[in-house]
Amino acid sequence: MAVSIKSPRVDALLEQLRLLTGRGATEIVREALEMELQRQRRLRRQKRLSAELPFLQEQAAGHARPFDPEALYDEQGLPA
């Protein structure tokens, strides 16, 4: 699929990046698209994990045991 830039602002930004980096337009657009795809995947994963978090917390709380720091040491205060 060919892409035609019809926005003067986008065209100007692309030209500025091309001049600053010395890279071609195709490489700049590819990199920007890959970065945006990664960002969108990360956001989707974060939303999914946020939705699952209450269930996971409830499960973990059901398996949790009270922690007794005294159990880490013997009568002389040395590690058990």
PDB file of N, CA and C in Angstrom:
ATOM      1  N   MET A   1       0.850  -1.176   0.000  1.00  0.00           N
ATOM      2  CA  MET A   1       0.000   0.000   0.000  1.00  0.00           C
ATOM      3  C   MET A   1       0.896   1.239   0.000  1.00  0.00           C
ATOM      4  N   ALA A   2       0.719   2.070  -0.950  1.00  0.00           N
ATOM      5  CA  ALA A   2       1.491   3.310  -1.036  1.00  0.00           C
ATOM      6  C   ALA A   2       0.846   4.372  -0.152  1.00  0.00           C
ATOM      7  N   VAL A   3       1.676   5.233   0.408  1.00  0.00           N
ATOM      8  CA  VAL A   3       1.190   6.300   1.281  1.00  0.00           C
ATOM      9  C   VAL A   3       1.513   7.624   0.625  1.00  0.00           C
ATOM     10  N   SER A   4       0.528   8.478   0.598  1.00  0.00           N
ATOM     11  CA  SER A   4       0.715   9.808   0.039  1.00  0.00           C
ATOM     12  C   SER A   4       0.467  10.827   1.151  1.00  0.00           C
ATOM     13  N   ILE A   5       1.481  11.635   1.456  1.00  0.00           N
ATOM     14  CA  ILE A   5       1.357  12.650   2.509  1.00  0.00           C
ATOM     15  C   ILE A   5       0.642  13.857   1.914  1.00  0.00           C
ATOM     16  N   LYS A   6      -0.505  14.181   2.505  1.00  0.00           N
ATOM     17  CA  LYS A   6      -1.295  15.303   1.996  1.00  0.00           C
ATOM     18  C   LYS A   6      -1.354  16.446   2.993  1.00  0.00           C
ATOM     19  N   SER A   7      -0.584  16.336   4.050  1.00  0.00           N
ATOM     20  CA  SER A   7      -0.580  17.362   5.078  1.00  0.00           C
ATOM     21  C   SER A   7       0.740  18.126   5.006  1.00  0.00           C
ATOM     22  N   PRO A   8       0.682  19.439   4.775  1.00  0.00           N
ATOM     23  CA  PRO A   8       1.914  20.224   4.753  1.00  0.00           C
ATOM     24  C   PRO A   8       2.679  20.143   6.075  1.00  0.00           C
ATOM     25  N   ARG A   9       1.966  20.062   7.189  1.00  0.00           N
ATOM     26  CA  ARG A   9       2.619  19.977   8.497  1.00  0.00           C
ATOM     27  C   ARG A   9       3.403  18.664   8.631  1.00  0.00           C
ATOM     28  N   VAL A  10       2.782  17.559   8.249  1.00  0.00           N
ATOM     29  CA  VAL A  10       3.450  16.254   8.313  1.00  0.00           C
ATOM     30  C   VAL A  10       4.631  16.231   7.359  1.00  0.00           C
ATOM     31  N   ASP A  11       4.459  16.762   6.188  1.00  0.00           N
ATOM     32  CA  ASP A  11       5.537  16.823   5.201  1.00  0.00           C
ATOM     33  C   ASP A  11       6.713  17.647   5.740  1.00  0.00           C
ATOM     34  N   ALA A  12       6.412  18.766   6.406  1.00  0.00           N
ATOM     35  CA  ALA A  12       7.467  19.613   6.977  1.00  0.00           C
ATOM     36  C   ALA A  12       8.192  18.902   8.119  1.00  0.00           C
ATOM     37  N   LEU A  13       7.450  18.209   8.966  1.00  0.00           N
ATOM     38  CA  LEU A  13       8.069  17.455  10.054  1.00  0.00           C
ATOM     39  C   LEU A  13       8.982  16.362   9.510  1.00  0.00           C
ATOM     40  N   LEU A  14       8.505  15.674   8.512  1.00  0.00           N
ATOM     41  CA  LEU A  14       9.302  14.619   7.885  1.00  0.00           C
ATOM     42  C   LEU A  14      10.579  15.180   7.282  1.00  0.00           C
ATOM     43  N   GLU A  15      10.473  16.303   6.643  1.00  0.00           N
ATOM     44  CA  GLU A  15      11.651  16.946   6.035  1.00  0.00           C
ATOM     45  C   GLU A  15      12.650  17.386   7.112  1.00  0.00           C
ATOM     46  N   GLN A  16      12.143  17.936   8.201  1.00  0.00           N
ATOM     47  CA  GLN A  16      13.033  18.346   9.298  1.00  0.00           C
ATOM     48  C   GLN A  16      13.787  17.149   9.872  1.00  0.00           C
ATOM     49  N   LEU A  17      13.074  16.054  10.089  1.00  0.00           N
ATOM     50  CA  LEU A  17      13.726  14.852  10.606  1.00  0.00           C
ATOM     51  C   LEU A  17      14.736  14.297   9.608  1.00  0.00           C
ATOM     52  N   ARG A  18      14.378  14.333   8.345  1.00  0.00           N
ATOM     53  CA  ARG A  18      15.278  13.847   7.306  1.00  0.00           C
ATOM     54  C   ARG A  18      16.579  14.639   7.301  1.00  0.00           C
ATOM     55  N   LEU A  19      16.459  15.966   7.430  1.00  0.00           N
ATOM     56  CA  LEU A  19      17.638  16.824   7.437  1.00  0.00           C
ATOM     57  C   LEU A  19      18.468  16.639   8.717  1.00  0.00           C
ATOM     58  N   LEU A  20      17.798  16.497   9.844  1.00  0.00           N
ATOM     59  CA  LEU A  20      18.500  16.333  11.118  1.00  0.00           C
ATOM     60  C   LEU A  20      19.225  14.988  11.234  1.00  0.00           C
ATOM     61  N   THR A  21      18.598  13.945  10.721  1.00  0.00           N
ATOM     62  CA  THR A  21      19.134  12.602  10.929  1.00  0.00           C
ATOM     63  C   THR A  21      19.906  12.052   9.740  1.00  0.00           C
ATOM     64  N   GLY A  22      19.645  12.590   8.560  1.00  0.00           N
ATOM     65  CA  GLY A  22      20.281  12.058   7.362  1.00  0.00           C
ATOM     66  C   GLY A  22      19.643  10.766   6.877  1.00  0.00           C
ATOM     67  N   ARG A  23      18.557  10.363   7.511  1.00  0.00           N
ATOM     68  CA  ARG A  23      17.857   9.144   7.102  1.00  0.00           C
ATOM     69  C   ARG A  23      16.811   9.481   6.054  1.00  0.00           C
ATOM     70  N   GLY A  24      16.401   8.454   5.336  1.00  0.00           N
ATOM     71  CA  GLY A  24      15.377   8.630   4.315  1.00  0.00           C
ATOM     72  C   GLY A  24      13.989   8.684   4.924  1.00  0.00           C
ATOM     73  N   ALA A  25      13.058   9.203   4.149  1.00  0.00           N
ATOM     74  CA  ALA A  25      11.677   9.345   4.608  1.00  0.00           C
ATOM     75  C   ALA A  25      11.068   7.994   4.963  1.00  0.00           C
ATOM     76  N   THR A  26      11.339   6.988   4.148  1.00  0.00           N
ATOM     77  CA  THR A  26      10.770   5.661   4.406  1.00  0.00           C
ATOM     78  C   THR A  26      11.252   5.122   5.745  1.00  0.00           C
ATOM     79  N   GLU A  27      12.532   5.267   6.038  1.00  0.00           N
ATOM     80  CA  GLU A  27      13.089   4.782   7.295  1.00  0.00           C
ATOM     81  C   GLU A  27      12.479   5.535   8.480  1.00  0.00           C
ATOM     82  N   ILE A  28      12.322   6.833   8.346  1.00  0.00           N
ATOM     83  CA  ILE A  28      11.749   7.644   9.422  1.00  0.00           C
ATOM     84  C   ILE A  28      10.301   7.237   9.688  1.00  0.00           C
ATOM     85  N   VAL A  29       9.536   7.071   8.641  1.00  0.00           N
ATOM     86  CA  VAL A  29       8.130   6.685   8.794  1.00  0.00           C
ATOM     87  C   VAL A  29       8.034   5.278   9.371  1.00  0.00           C
ATOM     88  N   ARG A  30       8.857   4.347   8.898  1.00  0.00           N
ATOM     89  CA  ARG A  30       8.847   2.982   9.412  1.00  0.00           C
ATOM     90  C   ARG A  30       9.145   2.967  10.906  1.00  0.00           C
ATOM     91  N   GLU A  31      10.181   3.702  11.311  1.00  0.00           N
ATOM     92  CA  GLU A  31      10.553   3.746  12.723  1.00  0.00           C
ATOM     93  C   GLU A  31       9.431   4.349  13.574  1.00  0.00           C
ATOM     94  N   ALA A  32       8.827   5.420  13.085  1.00  0.00           N
ATOM     95  CA  ALA A  32       7.734   6.064  13.828  1.00  0.00           C
ATOM     96  C   ALA A  32       6.543   5.112  13.962  1.00  0.00           C
ATOM     97  N   LEU A  33       6.235   4.387  12.900  1.00  0.00           N
ATOM     98  CA  LEU A  33       5.121   3.438  12.947  1.00  0.00           C
ATOM     99  C   LEU A  33       5.423   2.277  13.887  1.00  0.00           C
ATOM    100  N   GLU A  34       6.644   1.772  13.874  1.00  0.00           N
ATOM    101  CA  GLU A  34       7.020   0.688  14.780  1.00  0.00           C
ATOM    102  C   GLU A  34       6.935   1.138  16.232  1.00  0.00           C
ATOM    103  N   MET A  35       7.389   2.357  16.512  1.00  0.00           N
ATOM    104  CA  MET A  35       7.330   2.885  17.874  1.00  0.00           C
ATOM    105  C   MET A  35       5.880   3.045  18.331  1.00  0.00           C
ATOM    106  N   GLU A  36       5.026   3.538  17.458  1.00  0.00           N
ATOM    107  CA  GLU A  36       3.615   3.720  17.810  1.00  0.00           C
ATOM    108  C   GLU A  36       2.939   2.364  18.012  1.00  0.00           C
ATOM    109  N   LEU A  37       3.271   1.396  17.187  1.00  0.00           N
ATOM    110  CA  LEU A  37       2.708   0.057  17.351  1.00  0.00           C
ATOM    111  C   LEU A  37       3.115  -0.532  18.698  1.00  0.00           C
ATOM    112  N   GLN A  38       4.368  -0.385  19.077  1.00  0.00           N
ATOM    113  CA  GLN A  38       4.831  -0.859  20.386  1.00  0.00           C
ATOM    114  C   GLN A  38       4.097  -0.144  21.510  1.00  0.00           C
ATOM    115  N   ARG A  39       3.907   1.155  21.373  1.00  0.00           N
ATOM    116  CA  ARG A  39       3.211   1.940  22.401  1.00  0.00           C
ATOM    117  C   ARG A  39       1.766   1.468  22.550  1.00  0.00           C
ATOM    118  N   GLN A  40       1.090   1.244  21.436  1.00  0.00           N
ATOM    119  CA  GLN A  40      -0.301   0.792  21.478  1.00  0.00           C
ATOM    120  C   GLN A  40      -0.418  -0.592  22.091  1.00  0.00           C
ATOM    121  N   ARG A  41       0.524  -1.485  21.754  1.00  0.00           N
ATOM    122  CA  ARG A  41       0.515  -2.827  22.347  1.00  0.00           C
ATOM    123  C   ARG A  41       0.750  -2.745  23.852  1.00  0.00           C
ATOM    124  N   ARG A  42       1.662  -1.870  24.271  1.00  0.00           N
ATOM    125  CA  ARG A  42       1.948  -1.689  25.696  1.00  0.00           C
ATOM    126  C   ARG A  42       0.708  -1.159  26.423  1.00  0.00           C
ATOM    127  N   LEU A  43       0.023  -0.178  25.826  1.00  0.00           N
ATOM    128  CA  LEU A  43      -1.197   0.369  26.438  1.00  0.00           C
ATOM    129  C   LEU A  43      -2.279  -0.695  26.551  1.00  0.00           C
ATOM    130  N   ARG A  44      -2.430  -1.499  25.524  1.00  0.00           N
ATOM    131  CA  ARG A  44      -3.442  -2.563  25.547  1.00  0.00           C
ATOM    132  C   ARG A  44      -3.113  -3.581  26.643  1.00  0.00           C
ATOM    133  N   ARG A  45      -1.841  -3.945  26.757  1.00  0.00           N
ATOM    134  CA  ARG A  45      -1.405  -4.889  27.784  1.00  0.00           C
ATOM    135  C   ARG A  45      -1.640  -4.297  29.183  1.00  0.00           C
ATOM    136  N   GLN A  46      -1.335  -3.006  29.359  1.00  0.00           N
ATOM    137  CA  GLN A  46      -1.549  -2.355  30.650  1.00  0.00           C
ATOM    138  C   GLN A  46      -3.029  -2.346  31.025  1.00  0.00           C
ATOM    139  N   LYS A  47      -3.897  -2.076  30.054  1.00  0.00           N
ATOM    140  CA  LYS A  47      -5.340  -2.075  30.326  1.00  0.00           C
ATOM    141  C   LYS A  47      -5.809  -3.459  30.736  1.00  0.00           C
ATOM    142  N   ARG A  48      -5.324  -4.480  30.020  1.00  0.00           N
ATOM    143  CA  ARG A  48      -5.714  -5.853  30.335  1.00  0.00           C
ATOM    144  C   ARG A  48      -5.248  -6.235  31.740  1.00  0.00           C
ATOM    145  N   LEU A  49      -3.994  -5.910  32.062  1.00  0.00           N
ATOM    146  CA  LEU A  49      -3.469  -6.234  33.380  1.00  0.00           C
ATOM    147  C   LEU A  49      -4.185  -5.453  34.479  1.00  0.00           C
ATOM    148  N   SER A  50      -4.534  -4.207  34.211  1.00  0.00           N
ATOM    149  CA  SER A  50      -5.274  -3.406  35.191  1.00  0.00           C
ATOM    150  C   SER A  50      -6.645  -4.021  35.469  1.00  0.00           C
ATOM    151  N   ALA A  51      -7.261  -4.561  34.427  1.00  0.00           N
ATOM    152  CA  ALA A  51      -8.571  -5.196  34.612  1.00  0.00           C
ATOM    153  C   ALA A  51      -8.439  -6.496  35.388  1.00  0.00           C
ATOM    154  N   GLU A  52      -7.321  -7.210  35.227  1.00  0.00           N
ATOM    155  CA  GLU A  52      -7.118  -8.489  35.904  1.00  0.00           C
ATOM    156  C   GLU A  52      -6.582  -8.322  37.329  1.00  0.00           C
ATOM    157  N   LEU A  53      -6.027  -7.170  37.642  1.00  0.00           N
ATOM    158  CA  LEU A  53      -5.353  -6.978  38.927  1.00  0.00           C
ATOM    159  C   LEU A  53      -6.233  -7.268  40.146  1.00  0.00           C
ATOM    160  N   PRO A  54      -7.467  -6.783  40.221  1.00  0.00           N
ATOM    161  CA  PRO A  54      -8.278  -7.086  41.413  1.00  0.00           C
ATOM    162  C   PRO A  54      -8.453  -8.595  41.623  1.00  0.00           C
ATOM    163  N   PHE A  55      -8.662  -9.343  40.572  1.00  0.00           N
ATOM    164  CA  PHE A  55      -8.808 -10.795  40.677  1.00  0.00           C
ATOM    165  C   PHE A  55      -7.515 -11.427  41.183  1.00  0.00           C
ATOM    166  N   LEU A  56      -6.384 -10.976  40.646  1.00  0.00           N
ATOM    167  CA  LEU A  56      -5.092 -11.514  41.059  1.00  0.00           C
ATOM    168  C   LEU A  56      -4.799 -11.184  42.527  1.00  0.00           C
ATOM    169  N   GLN A  57      -5.158  -9.980  42.938  1.00  0.00           N
ATOM    170  CA  GLN A  57      -4.960  -9.587  44.335  1.00  0.00           C
ATOM    171  C   GLN A  57      -5.808 -10.446  45.267  1.00  0.00           C
ATOM    172  N   GLU A  58      -7.030 -10.708  44.845  1.00  0.00           N
ATOM    173  CA  GLU A  58      -7.928 -11.535  45.653  1.00  0.00           C
ATOM    174  C   GLU A  58      -7.379 -12.953  45.771  1.00  0.00           C
ATOM    175  N   GLN A  59      -6.894 -13.488  44.674  1.00  0.00           N
ATOM    176  CA  GLN A  59      -6.301 -14.827  44.697  1.00  0.00           C
ATOM    177  C   GLN A  59      -5.083 -14.869  45.612  1.00  0.00           C
ATOM    178  N   ALA A  60      -4.210 -13.878  45.486  1.00  0.00           N
ATOM    179  CA  ALA A  60      -2.996 -13.838  46.304  1.00  0.00           C
ATOM    180  C   ALA A  60      -3.344 -13.714  47.775  1.00  0.00           C
ATOM    181  N   ALA A  61      -4.330 -12.904  48.099  1.00  0.00           N
ATOM    182  CA  ALA A  61      -4.729 -12.729  49.492  1.00  0.00           C
ATOM    183  C   ALA A  61      -5.238 -14.044  50.076  1.00  0.00           C
ATOM    184  N   GLY A  62      -5.858 -14.866  49.257  1.00  0.00           N
ATOM    185  CA  GLY A  62      -6.357 -16.160  49.712  1.00  0.00           C
ATOM    186  C   GLY A  62      -5.237 -17.136  50.037  1.00  0.00           C
ATOM    187  N   HIS A  63      -4.072 -16.944  49.455  1.00  0.00           N
ATOM    188  CA  HIS A  63      -2.929 -17.834  49.678  1.00  0.00           C
ATOM    189  C   HIS A  63      -1.921 -17.255  50.663  1.00  0.00           C
ATOM    190  N   ALA A  64      -2.094 -16.037  51.049  1.00  0.00           N
ATOM    191  CA  ALA A  64      -1.115 -15.368  51.920  1.00  0.00           C
ATOM    192  C   ALA A  64      -1.177 -15.932  53.333  1.00  0.00           C
ATOM    193  N   ARG A  65      -0.004 -16.029  53.938  1.00  0.00           N
ATOM    194  CA  ARG A  65       0.097 -16.439  55.335  1.00  0.00           C
ATOM    195  C   ARG A  65       0.732 -15.299  56.106  1.00  0.00           C
ATOM    196  N   PRO A  66       0.378 -15.145  57.369  1.00  0.00           N
ATOM    197  CA  PRO A  66       0.985 -14.079  58.169  1.00  0.00           C
ATOM    198  C   PRO A  66       2.502 -14.288  58.252  1.00  0.00           C
ATOM    199  N   PHE A  67       3.220 -13.206  58.241  1.00  0.00           N
ATOM    200  CA  PHE A  67       4.678 -13.259  58.311  1.00  0.00           C
ATOM    201  C   PHE A  67       5.113 -12.974  59.737  1.00  0.00           C
ATOM    202  N   ASP A  68       5.945 -13.877  60.272  1.00  0.00           N
ATOM    203  CA  ASP A  68       6.468 -13.701  61.617  1.00  0.00           C
ATOM    204  C   ASP A  68       7.974 -13.501  61.524  1.00  0.00           C
ATOM    205  N   PRO A  69       8.461 -12.283  61.690  1.00  0.00           N
ATOM    206  CA  PRO A  69       9.902 -12.053  61.569  1.00  0.00           C
ATOM    207  C   PRO A  69      10.709 -12.783  62.640  1.00  0.00           C
ATOM    208  N   GLU A  70      10.089 -13.096  63.760  1.00  0.00           N
ATOM    209  CA  GLU A  70      10.781 -13.826  64.831  1.00  0.00           C
ATOM    210  C   GLU A  70      11.169 -15.232  64.369  1.00  0.00           C
ATOM    211  N   ALA A  71      10.425 -15.798  63.435  1.00  0.00           N
ATOM    212  CA  ALA A  71      10.700 -17.148  62.947  1.00  0.00           C
ATOM    213  C   ALA A  71      12.003 -17.211  62.155  1.00  0.00           C
ATOM    214  N   LEU A  72      12.559 -16.072  61.794  1.00  0.00           N
ATOM    215  CA  LEU A  72      13.800 -16.044  61.030  1.00  0.00           C
ATOM    216  C   LEU A  72      15.031 -16.257  61.910  1.00  0.00           C
ATOM    217  N   TYR A  73      14.867 -16.152  63.240  1.00  0.00           N
ATOM    218  CA  TYR A  73      16.016 -16.207  64.154  1.00  0.00           C
ATOM    219  C   TYR A  73      15.767 -17.245  65.244  1.00  0.00           C
ATOM    220  N   ASP A  74      16.865 -17.834  65.735  1.00  0.00           N
ATOM    221  CA  ASP A  74      16.739 -18.795  66.832  1.00  0.00           C
ATOM    222  C   ASP A  74      16.774 -18.045  68.172  1.00  0.00           C
ATOM    223  N   GLU A  75      16.878 -18.827  69.273  1.00  0.00           N
ATOM    224  CA  GLU A  75      16.833 -18.237  70.609  1.00  0.00           C
ATOM    225  C   GLU A  75      18.005 -17.280  70.889  1.00  0.00           C
ATOM    226  N   GLN A  76      19.139 -17.510  70.217  1.00  0.00           N
ATOM    227  CA  GLN A  76      20.319 -16.659  70.415  1.00  0.00           C
ATOM    228  C   GLN A  76      20.325 -15.449  69.473  1.00  0.00           C
ATOM    229  N   GLY A  77      19.287 -15.314  68.652  1.00  0.00           N
ATOM    230  CA  GLY A  77      19.217 -14.190  67.728  1.00  0.00           C
ATOM    231  C   GLY A  77      19.960 -14.421  66.429  1.00  0.00           C
ATOM    232  N   LEU A  78      20.348 -15.672  66.160  1.00  0.00           N
ATOM    233  CA  LEU A  78      21.059 -16.003  64.928  1.00  0.00           C
ATOM    234  C   LEU A  78      20.057 -16.473  63.863  1.00  0.00           C
ATOM    235  N   PRO A  79      20.428 -16.302  62.608  1.00  0.00           N
ATOM    236  CA  PRO A  79      19.503 -16.749  61.545  1.00  0.00           C
ATOM    237  C   PRO A  79      19.160 -18.228  61.706  1.00  0.00           C
ATOM    238  N   ALA A  80      17.913 -18.538  61.552  1.00  0.00           N
ATOM    239  CA  ALA A  80      17.449 -19.928  61.709  1.00  0.00           C
ATOM    240  C   ALA A  80      17.772 -20.759  60.499  1.00  0.00           C
TER     241      ALA A  80
END
